[in-house]
């Protein structure tokens, strides 16, 4: 499958499921965010997430990671 064919497949699948605003790219963002949150438990680093995402720069990987206000509040409470 070509990259464009994969994108088209996801677009059609999301449309058929009635999921507005979803794309293959949003799945990628979700994967990278979840990986970044779990990587320390696995003994890894953000560099490992970068390599999983096949990004050339760590800055690109960081741009994909969504923040979470509740997690941030928990971090502050534990300090």
C-alpha atoms as a PDB file:
ATOM      1  CA  UNK A   1       0.000   0.000   0.000  1.00  0.00           C
ATOM      2  CA  UNK A   2       1.191   3.480  -0.744  1.00  0.00           C
ATOM      3  CA  UNK A   3       1.135   6.148   2.001  1.00  0.00           C
ATOM      4  CA  UNK A   4      -1.731   7.912   0.208  1.00  0.00           C
ATOM      5  CA  UNK A   5      -3.717   4.657   0.027  1.00  0.00           C
ATOM      6  CA  UNK A   6      -3.335   4.219   3.798  1.00  0.00           C
ATOM      7  CA  UNK A   7      -4.567   7.788   4.392  1.00  0.00           C
ATOM      8  CA  UNK A   8      -7.548   7.193   2.087  1.00  0.00           C
ATOM      9  CA  UNK A   9      -8.356   3.906   3.812  1.00  0.00           C
ATOM     10  CA  UNK A  10      -8.408   5.559   7.254  1.00  0.00           C
ATOM     11  CA  UNK A  11     -10.479   8.476   5.947  1.00  0.00           C
ATOM     12  CA  UNK A  12     -13.108   6.111   4.556  1.00  0.00           C
ATOM     13  CA  UNK A  13     -13.132   3.945   7.697  1.00  0.00           C
ATOM     14  CA  UNK A  14     -13.597   6.948   9.992  1.00  0.00           C
ATOM     15  CA  UNK A  15     -16.326   8.377   7.778  1.00  0.00           C
ATOM     16  CA  UNK A  16     -18.137   5.031   7.750  1.00  0.00           C
ATOM     17  CA  UNK A  17     -17.898   4.851  11.552  1.00  0.00           C
ATOM     18  CA  UNK A  18     -19.294   8.379  11.867  1.00  0.00           C
ATOM     19  CA  UNK A  19     -16.139   9.762  13.487  1.00  0.00           C
ATOM     20  CA  UNK A  20     -15.747  13.388  12.469  1.00  0.00           C
ATOM     21  CA  UNK A  21     -12.330  15.028  12.639  1.00  0.00           C
ATOM     22  CA  UNK A  22     -10.369  11.782  12.821  1.00  0.00           C
ATOM     23  CA  UNK A  23      -7.559  10.860  10.475  1.00  0.00           C
ATOM     24  CA  UNK A  24      -4.568   8.570  10.187  1.00  0.00           C
ATOM     25  CA  UNK A  25      -2.566  11.552  11.402  1.00  0.00           C
ATOM     26  CA  UNK A  26      -4.676  11.910  14.559  1.00  0.00           C
ATOM     27  CA  UNK A  27      -3.973   8.238  15.297  1.00  0.00           C
ATOM     28  CA  UNK A  28      -0.264   8.964  14.921  1.00  0.00           C
ATOM     29  CA  UNK A  29      -0.533  11.903  17.358  1.00  0.00           C
ATOM     30  CA  UNK A  30      -2.396   9.695  19.855  1.00  0.00           C
ATOM     31  CA  UNK A  31       0.213   6.931  19.574  1.00  0.00           C
ATOM     32  CA  UNK A  32       3.120   9.339  20.077  1.00  0.00           C
ATOM     33  CA  UNK A  33       1.431  11.038  23.046  1.00  0.00           C
ATOM     34  CA  UNK A  34       0.686   7.697  24.727  1.00  0.00           C
ATOM     35  CA  UNK A  35       4.201   6.428  24.033  1.00  0.00           C
ATOM     36  CA  UNK A  36       5.725   9.578  25.533  1.00  0.00           C
ATOM     37  CA  UNK A  37       3.674   9.086  28.705  1.00  0.00           C
ATOM     38  CA  UNK A  38       4.629   5.412  29.053  1.00  0.00           C
ATOM     39  CA  UNK A  39       8.250   5.444  27.928  1.00  0.00           C
ATOM     40  CA  UNK A  40       9.753   6.191  31.360  1.00  0.00           C
ATOM     41  CA  UNK A  41       7.946   3.151  32.836  1.00  0.00           C
ATOM     42  CA  UNK A  42       9.621   1.040  30.154  1.00  0.00           C
ATOM     43  CA  UNK A  43      13.025   2.509  31.015  1.00  0.00           C
ATOM     44  CA  UNK A  44      13.236   4.515  27.794  1.00  0.00           C
ATOM     45  CA  UNK A  45      13.489   8.140  26.815  1.00  0.00           C
ATOM     46  CA  UNK A  46      11.917  10.599  24.408  1.00  0.00           C
ATOM     47  CA  UNK A  47      14.643   9.584  21.944  1.00  0.00           C
ATOM     48  CA  UNK A  48      13.022   6.129  21.816  1.00  0.00           C
ATOM     49  CA  UNK A  49       9.668   7.700  20.991  1.00  0.00           C
ATOM     50  CA  UNK A  50      11.381   9.764  18.292  1.00  0.00           C
ATOM     51  CA  UNK A  51      12.795   6.602  16.750  1.00  0.00           C
ATOM     52  CA  UNK A  52       9.438   4.796  16.936  1.00  0.00           C
ATOM     53  CA  UNK A  53       7.847   7.745  15.122  1.00  0.00           C
ATOM     54  CA  UNK A  54      10.680   7.784  12.581  1.00  0.00           C
ATOM     55  CA  UNK A  55      11.205  11.531  13.076  1.00  0.00           C
ATOM     56  CA  UNK A  56      14.500  13.137  12.139  1.00  0.00           C
ATOM     57  CA  UNK A  57      14.359  15.658  14.955  1.00  0.00           C
ATOM     58  CA  UNK A  58      13.258  15.449  18.570  1.00  0.00           C
ATOM     59  CA  UNK A  59      11.481  18.783  18.093  1.00  0.00           C
ATOM     60  CA  UNK A  60       9.104  17.178  15.600  1.00  0.00           C
ATOM     61  CA  UNK A  61       8.306  14.425  18.087  1.00  0.00           C
ATOM     62  CA  UNK A  62       7.707  16.969  20.848  1.00  0.00           C
ATOM     63  CA  UNK A  63       5.268  18.861  18.627  1.00  0.00           C
ATOM     64  CA  UNK A  64       3.111  15.720  18.378  1.00  0.00           C
ATOM     65  CA  UNK A  65       2.800  15.244  22.145  1.00  0.00           C
ATOM     66  CA  UNK A  66      -0.411  16.617  23.611  1.00  0.00           C
ATOM     67  CA  UNK A  67      -0.412  17.997  27.145  1.00  0.00           C
ATOM     68  CA  UNK A  68      -2.959  16.991  29.771  1.00  0.00           C
ATOM     69  CA  UNK A  69      -4.076  19.465  32.428  1.00  0.00           C
ATOM     70  CA  UNK A  70      -5.124  16.715  34.864  1.00  0.00           C
ATOM     71  CA  UNK A  71      -1.727  15.028  34.645  1.00  0.00           C
ATOM     72  CA  UNK A  72      -0.059  18.395  35.177  1.00  0.00           C
ATOM     73  CA  UNK A  73      -2.171  18.962  38.323  1.00  0.00           C
ATOM     74  CA  UNK A  74      -1.190  15.514  39.647  1.00  0.00           C
ATOM     75  CA  UNK A  75       2.477  16.301  39.073  1.00  0.00           C
ATOM     76  CA  UNK A  76       2.173  19.548  41.017  1.00  0.00           C
ATOM     77  CA  UNK A  77       0.321  17.811  43.885  1.00  0.00           C
ATOM     78  CA  UNK A  78       3.118  15.252  44.241  1.00  0.00           C
ATOM     79  CA  UNK A  79       5.803  17.921  44.647  1.00  0.00           C
END
